[in-house]
Amino acid sequence: MSQAGSTFEQLPRYIRVRSKPDDAFVEFDFAIGYPDLFVELVLPHQAFTLFCAANHVQHMTAQMSDALDADARKWRYGETRDDE
């Protein structure tokens, strides 16, 4: 994903929610520009809603999430799935 020529404000912001809907806090990954370079954050639900609105976030697609998971497996365990 190339972001050449984009200003910081123009870069897309991505989130990937990791917690369950009924959890007290929202645990999520937040990335700016590159979905594979993210920080893990935890916020109360109301703060999470405000955070998402302020950052105009996009939810990572299933394809993006699968690619990140595959890359993590490769780096952590030296494994890839047979269908990759």
PDB file of N, CA and C in Angstrom:
ATOM      1  N   MET A   1       0.843  -1.169   0.000  1.00  0.00           N
ATOM      2  CA  MET A   1       0.000   0.000   0.000  1.00  0.00           C
ATOM      3  C   MET A   1       0.889   1.233   0.000  1.00  0.00           C
ATOM      4  N   SER A   2       0.903   1.982  -1.052  1.00  0.00           N
ATOM      5  CA  SER A   2       1.754   3.154  -1.151  1.00  0.00           C
ATOM      6  C   SER A   2       0.982   4.404  -0.786  1.00  0.00           C
ATOM      7  N   GLN A   3       1.589   5.222   0.050  1.00  0.00           N
ATOM      8  CA  GLN A   3       0.968   6.468   0.470  1.00  0.00           C
ATOM      9  C   GLN A   3       1.807   7.668   0.019  1.00  0.00           C
ATOM     10  N   ALA A   4       2.643   7.488  -1.000  1.00  0.00           N
ATOM     11  CA  ALA A   4       3.526   8.562  -1.465  1.00  0.00           C
ATOM     12  C   ALA A   4       2.702   9.782  -1.871  1.00  0.00           C
ATOM     13  N   GLY A   5       3.169  10.949  -1.471  1.00  0.00           N
ATOM     14  CA  GLY A   5       2.505  12.177  -1.830  1.00  0.00           C
ATOM     15  C   GLY A   5       1.354  12.571  -0.924  1.00  0.00           C
ATOM     16  N   SER A   6       0.997  11.731   0.036  1.00  0.00           N
ATOM     17  CA  SER A   6      -0.089  12.033   0.954  1.00  0.00           C
ATOM     18  C   SER A   6       0.449  12.777   2.166  1.00  0.00           C
ATOM     19  N   THR A   7      -0.318  13.760   2.623  1.00  0.00           N
ATOM     20  CA  THR A   7       0.051  14.398   3.878  1.00  0.00           C
ATOM     21  C   THR A   7      -0.451  13.523   5.011  1.00  0.00           C
ATOM     22  N   PHE A   8       0.088  13.742   6.191  1.00  0.00           N
ATOM     23  CA  PHE A   8      -0.294  12.924   7.334  1.00  0.00           C
ATOM     24  C   PHE A   8      -1.803  12.945   7.562  1.00  0.00           C
ATOM     25  N   GLU A   9      -2.414  14.115   7.419  1.00  0.00           N
ATOM     26  CA  GLU A   9      -3.847  14.238   7.652  1.00  0.00           C
ATOM     27  C   GLU A   9      -4.671  13.459   6.634  1.00  0.00           C
ATOM     28  N   GLN A  10      -4.111  13.221   5.459  1.00  0.00           N
ATOM     29  CA  GLN A  10      -4.821  12.509   4.403  1.00  0.00           C
ATOM     30  C   GLN A  10      -4.698  10.997   4.504  1.00  0.00           C
ATOM     31  N   LEU A  11      -3.784  10.508   5.314  1.00  0.00           N
ATOM     32  CA  LEU A  11      -3.588   9.059   5.416  1.00  0.00           C
ATOM     33  C   LEU A  11      -4.801   8.398   6.054  1.00  0.00           C
ATOM     34  N   PRO A  12      -5.209   7.256   5.529  1.00  0.00           N
ATOM     35  CA  PRO A  12      -6.357   6.559   6.121  1.00  0.00           C
ATOM     36  C   PRO A  12      -6.010   6.015   7.507  1.00  0.00           C
ATOM     37  N   ARG A  13      -6.998   5.970   8.367  1.00  0.00           N
ATOM     38  CA  ARG A  13      -6.841   5.411   9.714  1.00  0.00           C
ATOM     39  C   ARG A  13      -7.677   4.144   9.801  1.00  0.00           C
ATOM     40  N   TYR A  14      -7.062   3.090  10.307  1.00  0.00           N
ATOM     41  CA  TYR A  14      -7.713   1.793  10.372  1.00  0.00           C
ATOM     42  C   TYR A  14      -7.842   1.335  11.821  1.00  0.00           C
ATOM     43  N   ILE A  15      -8.931   0.623  12.097  1.00  0.00           N
ATOM     44  CA  ILE A  15      -9.068  -0.039  13.391  1.00  0.00           C
ATOM     45  C   ILE A  15      -9.445  -1.497  13.169  1.00  0.00           C
ATOM     46  N   ARG A  16      -9.076  -2.290  14.146  1.00  0.00           N
ATOM     47  CA  ARG A  16      -9.456  -3.704  14.180  1.00  0.00           C
ATOM     48  C   ARG A  16      -9.815  -4.007  15.628  1.00  0.00           C
ATOM     49  N   VAL A  17     -11.093  -4.208  15.888  1.00  0.00           N
ATOM     50  CA  VAL A  17     -11.567  -4.456  17.250  1.00  0.00           C
ATOM     51  C   VAL A  17     -11.238  -5.889  17.632  1.00  0.00           C
ATOM     52  N   ARG A  18     -10.646  -6.038  18.804  1.00  0.00           N
ATOM     53  CA  ARG A  18     -10.236  -7.355  19.301  1.00  0.00           C
ATOM     54  C   ARG A  18     -11.116  -7.863  20.439  1.00  0.00           C
ATOM     55  N   SER A  19     -11.824  -6.965  21.110  1.00  0.00           N
ATOM     56  CA  SER A  19     -12.640  -7.358  22.261  1.00  0.00           C
ATOM     57  C   SER A  19     -14.035  -7.792  21.811  1.00  0.00           C
ATOM     58  N   LYS A  20     -14.764  -8.380  22.743  1.00  0.00           N
ATOM     59  CA  LYS A  20     -16.143  -8.790  22.490  1.00  0.00           C
ATOM     60  C   LYS A  20     -17.068  -7.609  22.773  1.00  0.00           C
ATOM     61  N   PRO A  21     -18.209  -7.547  22.115  1.00  0.00           N
ATOM     62  CA  PRO A  21     -19.116  -6.408  22.294  1.00  0.00           C
ATOM     63  C   PRO A  21     -19.540  -6.165  23.751  1.00  0.00           C
ATOM     64  N   ASP A  22     -19.638  -7.204  24.559  1.00  0.00           N
ATOM     65  CA  ASP A  22     -20.097  -7.047  25.942  1.00  0.00           C
ATOM     66  C   ASP A  22     -18.967  -6.740  26.924  1.00  0.00           C
ATOM     67  N   ASP A  23     -17.722  -6.691  26.464  1.00  0.00           N
ATOM     68  CA  ASP A  23     -16.601  -6.389  27.357  1.00  0.00           C
ATOM     69  C   ASP A  23     -16.714  -4.956  27.875  1.00  0.00           C
ATOM     70  N   ALA A  24     -16.156  -4.725  29.048  1.00  0.00           N
ATOM     71  CA  ALA A  24     -16.220  -3.399  29.672  1.00  0.00           C
ATOM     72  C   ALA A  24     -15.442  -2.359  28.871  1.00  0.00           C
ATOM     73  N   PHE A  25     -14.378  -2.773  28.234  1.00  0.00           N
ATOM     74  CA  PHE A  25     -13.544  -1.868  27.442  1.00  0.00           C
ATOM     75  C   PHE A  25     -13.417  -2.397  26.018  1.00  0.00           C
ATOM     76  N   VAL A  26     -13.114  -1.501  25.110  1.00  0.00           N
ATOM     77  CA  VAL A  26     -12.874  -1.886  23.721  1.00  0.00           C
ATOM     78  C   VAL A  26     -11.368  -1.994  23.522  1.00  0.00           C
ATOM     79  N   GLU A  27     -10.914  -3.180  23.183  1.00  0.00           N
ATOM     80  CA  GLU A  27      -9.508  -3.417  22.848  1.00  0.00           C
ATOM     81  C   GLU A  27      -9.422  -3.424  21.321  1.00  0.00           C
ATOM     82  N   PHE A  28      -8.502  -2.633  20.776  1.00  0.00           N
ATOM     83  CA  PHE A  28      -8.438  -2.536  19.325  1.00  0.00           C
ATOM     84  C   PHE A  28      -7.037  -2.172  18.857  1.00  0.00           C
ATOM     85  N   ASP A  29      -6.790  -2.474  17.586  1.00  0.00           N
ATOM     86  CA  ASP A  29      -5.563  -2.076  16.910  1.00  0.00           C
ATOM     87  C   ASP A  29      -5.888  -0.802  16.138  1.00  0.00           C
ATOM     88  N   PHE A  30      -4.944   0.136  16.129  1.00  0.00           N
ATOM     89  CA  PHE A  30      -5.127   1.397  15.412  1.00  0.00           C
ATOM     90  C   PHE A  30      -3.909   1.632  14.537  1.00  0.00           C
ATOM     91  N   ALA A  31      -4.156   1.881  13.262  1.00  0.00           N
ATOM     92  CA  ALA A  31      -3.068   2.105  12.306  1.00  0.00           C
ATOM     93  C   ALA A  31      -3.350   3.356  11.495  1.00  0.00           C
ATOM     94  N   ILE A  32      -2.276   4.046  11.138  1.00  0.00           N
ATOM     95  CA  ILE A  32      -2.385   5.217  10.276  1.00  0.00           C
ATOM     96  C   ILE A  32      -1.578   4.947   9.011  1.00  0.00           C
ATOM     97  N   GLY A  33      -2.280   4.893   7.893  1.00  0.00           N
ATOM     98  CA  GLY A  33      -1.614   4.731   6.606  1.00  0.00           C
ATOM     99  C   GLY A  33      -1.322   3.303   6.215  1.00  0.00           C
ATOM    100  N   TYR A  34      -0.783   2.531   7.112  1.00  0.00           N
ATOM    101  CA  TYR A  34      -0.361   1.165   6.823  1.00  0.00           C
ATOM    102  C   TYR A  34      -0.967   0.221   7.856  1.00  0.00           C
ATOM    103  N   PRO A  35      -1.911  -0.630   7.477  1.00  0.00           N
ATOM    104  CA  PRO A  35      -2.584  -1.501   8.445  1.00  0.00           C
ATOM    105  C   PRO A  35      -1.641  -2.435   9.200  1.00  0.00           C
ATOM    106  N   ASP A  36      -0.478  -2.743   8.629  1.00  0.00           N
ATOM    107  CA  ASP A  36       0.439  -3.673   9.269  1.00  0.00           C
ATOM    108  C   ASP A  36       1.331  -3.006  10.319  1.00  0.00           C
ATOM    109  N   LEU A  37       1.222  -1.698  10.475  1.00  0.00           N
ATOM    110  CA  LEU A  37       1.988  -0.978  11.498  1.00  0.00           C
ATOM    111  C   LEU A  37       0.973  -0.324  12.435  1.00  0.00           C
ATOM    112  N   PHE A  38       0.682  -1.002  13.534  1.00  0.00           N
ATOM    113  CA  PHE A  38      -0.403  -0.555  14.400  1.00  0.00           C
ATOM    114  C   PHE A  38       0.017  -0.556  15.861  1.00  0.00           C
ATOM    115  N   VAL A  39      -0.775   0.140  16.661  1.00  0.00           N
ATOM    116  CA  VAL A  39      -0.625   0.117  18.113  1.00  0.00           C
ATOM    117  C   VAL A  39      -1.878  -0.520  18.692  1.00  0.00           C
ATOM    118  N   GLU A  40      -1.722  -1.157  19.842  1.00  0.00           N
ATOM    119  CA  GLU A  40      -2.854  -1.753  20.536  1.00  0.00           C
ATOM    120  C   GLU A  40      -3.345  -0.759  21.572  1.00  0.00           C
ATOM    121  N   LEU A  41      -4.641  -0.461  21.543  1.00  0.00           N
ATOM    122  CA  LEU A  41      -5.228   0.504  22.453  1.00  0.00           C
ATOM    123  C   LEU A  41      -6.421  -0.094  23.178  1.00  0.00           C
ATOM    124  N   VAL A  42      -6.750   0.509  24.329  1.00  0.00           N
ATOM    125  CA  VAL A  42      -7.915   0.107  25.117  1.00  0.00           C
ATOM    126  C   VAL A  42      -8.615   1.379  25.570  1.00  0.00           C
ATOM    127  N   LEU A  43      -9.927   1.456  25.301  1.00  0.00           N
ATOM    128  CA  LEU A  43     -10.713   2.616  25.698  1.00  0.00           C
ATOM    129  C   LEU A  43     -12.093   2.172  26.192  1.00  0.00           C
ATOM    130  N   PRO A  44     -12.714   2.963  27.068  1.00  0.00           N
ATOM    131  CA  PRO A  44     -14.125   2.705  27.383  1.00  0.00           C
ATOM    132  C   PRO A  44     -14.954   2.904  26.108  1.00  0.00           C
ATOM    133  N   HIS A  45     -16.127   2.302  26.054  1.00  0.00           N
ATOM    134  CA  HIS A  45     -16.940   2.336  24.833  1.00  0.00           C
ATOM    135  C   HIS A  45     -17.223   3.751  24.329  1.00  0.00           C
ATOM    136  N   GLN A  46     -17.610   4.653  25.214  1.00  0.00           N
ATOM    137  CA  GLN A  46     -17.933   6.014  24.778  1.00  0.00           C
ATOM    138  C   GLN A  46     -16.697   6.720  24.222  1.00  0.00           C
ATOM    139  N   ALA A  47     -15.565   6.550  24.874  1.00  0.00           N
ATOM    140  CA  ALA A  47     -14.324   7.159  24.383  1.00  0.00           C
ATOM    141  C   ALA A  47     -13.922   6.554  23.038  1.00  0.00           C
ATOM    142  N   PHE A  48     -14.145   5.265  22.864  1.00  0.00           N
ATOM    143  CA  PHE A  48     -13.844   4.593  21.599  1.00  0.00           C
ATOM    144  C   PHE A  48     -14.684   5.193  20.468  1.00  0.00           C
ATOM    145  N   THR A  49     -15.957   5.404  20.732  1.00  0.00           N
ATOM    146  CA  THR A  49     -16.844   5.998  19.731  1.00  0.00           C
ATOM    147  C   THR A  49     -16.355   7.389  19.332  1.00  0.00           C
ATOM    148  N   LEU A  50     -15.977   8.189  20.311  1.00  0.00           N
ATOM    149  CA  LEU A  50     -15.453   9.530  20.029  1.00  0.00           C
ATOM    150  C   LEU A  50     -14.129   9.469  19.264  1.00  0.00           C
ATOM    151  N   PHE A  51     -13.262   8.544  19.662  1.00  0.00           N
ATOM    152  CA  PHE A  51     -11.972   8.352  18.996  1.00  0.00           C
ATOM    153  C   PHE A  51     -12.175   8.019  17.516  1.00  0.00           C
ATOM    154  N   CYS A  52     -13.095   7.101  17.248  1.00  0.00           N
ATOM    155  CA  CYS A  52     -13.358   6.692  15.863  1.00  0.00           C
ATOM    156  C   CYS A  52     -13.895   7.854  15.035  1.00  0.00           C
ATOM    157  N   ALA A  53     -14.794   8.626  15.612  1.00  0.00           N
ATOM    158  CA  ALA A  53     -15.360   9.768  14.896  1.00  0.00           C
ATOM    159  C   ALA A  53     -14.288  10.827  14.630  1.00  0.00           C
ATOM    160  N   ALA A  54     -13.471  11.110  15.619  1.00  0.00           N
ATOM    161  CA  ALA A  54     -12.434  12.142  15.477  1.00  0.00           C
ATOM    162  C   ALA A  54     -11.384  11.756  14.443  1.00  0.00           C
ATOM    163  N   ASN A  55     -11.124  10.460  14.301  1.00  0.00           N
ATOM    164  CA  ASN A  55     -10.095   9.989  13.376  1.00  0.00           C
ATOM    165  C   ASN A  55     -10.637   9.486  12.046  1.00  0.00           C
ATOM    166  N   HIS A  56     -11.960   9.523  11.878  1.00  0.00           N
ATOM    167  CA  HIS A  56     -12.586   9.067  10.628  1.00  0.00           C
ATOM    168  C   HIS A  56     -12.050   7.691  10.232  1.00  0.00           C
ATOM    169  N   VAL A  57     -12.124   6.753  11.167  1.00  0.00           N
ATOM    170  CA  VAL A  57     -11.513   5.440  10.976  1.00  0.00           C
ATOM    171  C   VAL A  57     -12.285   4.566   9.994  1.00  0.00           C
ATOM    172  N   GLN A  58     -11.564   3.618   9.443  1.00  0.00           N
ATOM    173  CA  GLN A  58     -12.135   2.565   8.615  1.00  0.00           C
ATOM    174  C   GLN A  58     -11.860   1.252   9.333  1.00  0.00           C
ATOM    175  N   HIS A  59     -12.847   0.374   9.368  1.00  0.00           N
ATOM    176  CA  HIS A  59     -12.606  -0.954   9.927  1.00  0.00           C
ATOM    177  C   HIS A  59     -11.778  -1.752   8.926  1.00  0.00           C
ATOM    178  N   MET A  60     -10.788  -2.456   9.433  1.00  0.00           N
ATOM    179  CA  MET A  60      -9.999  -3.318   8.552  1.00  0.00           C
ATOM    180  C   MET A  60     -10.917  -4.382   7.976  1.00  0.00           C
ATOM    181  N   THR A  61     -10.734  -4.672   6.712  1.00  0.00           N
ATOM    182  CA  THR A  61     -11.528  -5.706   6.074  1.00  0.00           C
ATOM    183  C   THR A  61     -11.050  -7.084   6.550  1.00  0.00           C
ATOM    184  N   ALA A  62     -11.864  -8.085   6.297  1.00  0.00           N
ATOM    185  CA  ALA A  62     -11.474  -9.453   6.642  1.00  0.00           C
ATOM    186  C   ALA A  62     -10.201  -9.844   5.902  1.00  0.00           C
ATOM    187  N   GLN A  63     -10.067  -9.408   4.669  1.00  0.00           N
ATOM    188  CA  GLN A  63      -8.872  -9.713   3.874  1.00  0.00           C
ATOM    189  C   GLN A  63      -7.634  -9.075   4.503  1.00  0.00           C
ATOM    190  N   MET A  64      -7.751  -7.829   4.945  1.00  0.00           N
ATOM    191  CA  MET A  64      -6.624  -7.158   5.596  1.00  0.00           C
ATOM    192  C   MET A  64      -6.253  -7.877   6.890  1.00  0.00           C
ATOM    193  N   SER A  65      -7.262  -8.228   7.678  1.00  0.00           N
ATOM    194  CA  SER A  65      -7.028  -8.912   8.948  1.00  0.00           C
ATOM    195  C   SER A  65      -6.372 -10.265   8.733  1.00  0.00           C
ATOM    196  N   ASP A  66      -6.855 -11.006   7.735  1.00  0.00           N
ATOM    197  CA  ASP A  66      -6.268 -12.316   7.431  1.00  0.00           C
ATOM    198  C   ASP A  66      -4.805 -12.175   7.025  1.00  0.00           C
ATOM    199  N   ALA A  67      -4.497 -11.170   6.223  1.00  0.00           N
ATOM    200  CA  ALA A  67      -3.110 -10.959   5.793  1.00  0.00           C
ATOM    201  C   ALA A  67      -2.220 -10.612   6.986  1.00  0.00           C
ATOM    202  N   LEU A  68      -2.716  -9.786   7.894  1.00  0.00           N
ATOM    203  CA  LEU A  68      -1.944  -9.442   9.091  1.00  0.00           C
ATOM    204  C   LEU A  68      -1.709 -10.669   9.969  1.00  0.00           C
ATOM    205  N   ASP A  69      -2.758 -11.488  10.132  1.00  0.00           N
ATOM    206  CA  ASP A  69      -2.620 -12.700  10.944  1.00  0.00           C
ATOM    207  C   ASP A  69      -1.611 -13.672  10.324  1.00  0.00           C
ATOM    208  N   ALA A  70      -1.662 -13.820   9.015  1.00  0.00           N
ATOM    209  CA  ALA A  70      -0.727 -14.720   8.327  1.00  0.00           C
ATOM    210  C   ALA A  70       0.702 -14.229   8.487  1.00  0.00           C
ATOM    211  N   ASP A  71       0.899 -12.928   8.358  1.00  0.00           N
ATOM    212  CA  ASP A  71       2.229 -12.361   8.513  1.00  0.00           C
ATOM    213  C   ASP A  71       2.736 -12.542   9.942  1.00  0.00           C
ATOM    214  N   ALA A  72       1.857 -12.372  10.915  1.00  0.00           N
ATOM    215  CA  ALA A  72       2.246 -12.554  12.321  1.00  0.00           C
ATOM    216  C   ALA A  72       2.654 -14.005  12.582  1.00  0.00           C
ATOM    217  N   ARG A  73       1.877 -14.949  12.022  1.00  0.00           N
ATOM    218  CA  ARG A  73       2.231 -16.376  12.191  1.00  0.00           C
ATOM    219  C   ARG A  73       3.590 -16.674  11.578  1.00  0.00           C
ATOM    220  N   LYS A  74       3.823 -16.105  10.408  1.00  0.00           N
ATOM    221  CA  LYS A  74       5.085 -16.350   9.715  1.00  0.00           C
ATOM    222  C   LYS A  74       6.254 -15.849  10.559  1.00  0.00           C
ATOM    223  N   TRP A  75       6.144 -14.640  11.096  1.00  0.00           N
ATOM    224  CA  TRP A  75       7.232 -14.063  11.873  1.00  0.00           C
ATOM    225  C   TRP A  75       7.386 -14.704  13.241  1.00  0.00           C
ATOM    226  N   ARG A  76       6.284 -15.054  13.868  1.00  0.00           N
ATOM    227  CA  ARG A  76       6.356 -15.637  15.217  1.00  0.00           C
ATOM    228  C   ARG A  76       6.743 -17.107  15.205  1.00  0.00           C
ATOM    229  N   TYR A  77       6.160 -17.839  14.259  1.00  0.00           N
ATOM    230  CA  TYR A  77       6.309 -19.295  14.309  1.00  0.00           C
ATOM    231  C   TYR A  77       6.947 -19.890  13.053  1.00  0.00           C
ATOM    232  N   GLY A  78       7.220 -19.077  12.045  1.00  0.00           N
ATOM    233  CA  GLY A  78       7.780 -19.602  10.807  1.00  0.00           C
ATOM    234  C   GLY A  78       6.786 -20.454  10.052  1.00  0.00           C
ATOM    235  N   GLU A  79       5.479 -20.195  10.278  1.00  0.00           N
ATOM    236  CA  GLU A  79       4.441 -21.010   9.657  1.00  0.00           C
ATOM    237  C   GLU A  79       3.621 -20.179   8.685  1.00  0.00           C
ATOM    238  N   THR A  80       3.168 -20.853   7.643  1.00  0.00           N
ATOM    239  CA  THR A  80       2.155 -20.294   6.750  1.00  0.00           C
ATOM    240  C   THR A  80       1.088 -21.346   6.578  1.00  0.00           C
ATOM    241  N   ARG A  81      -0.091 -20.893   6.220  1.00  0.00           N
ATOM    242  CA  ARG A  81      -1.177 -21.852   5.968  1.00  0.00           C
ATOM    243  C   ARG A  81      -0.976 -22.462   4.595  1.00  0.00           C
ATOM    244  N   ASP A  82      -1.530 -23.650   4.402  1.00  0.00           N
ATOM    245  CA  ASP A  82      -1.379 -24.366   3.132  1.00  0.00           C
ATOM    246  C   ASP A  82      -1.994 -23.601   1.950  1.00  0.00           C
ATOM    247  N   ASP A  83      -3.032 -22.810   2.204  1.00  0.00           N
ATOM    248  CA  ASP A  83      -3.717 -22.129   1.110  1.00  0.00           C
ATOM    249  C   ASP A  83      -3.124 -20.763   0.804  1.00  0.00           C
ATOM    250  N   GLU A  84      -1.986 -20.435   1.340  1.00  0.00           N
ATOM    251  CA  GLU A  84      -1.364 -19.118   1.072  1.00  0.00           C
ATOM    252  C   GLU A  84      -0.321 -19.230  -0.005  1.00  0.00           C
TER     253      GLU A  84
END
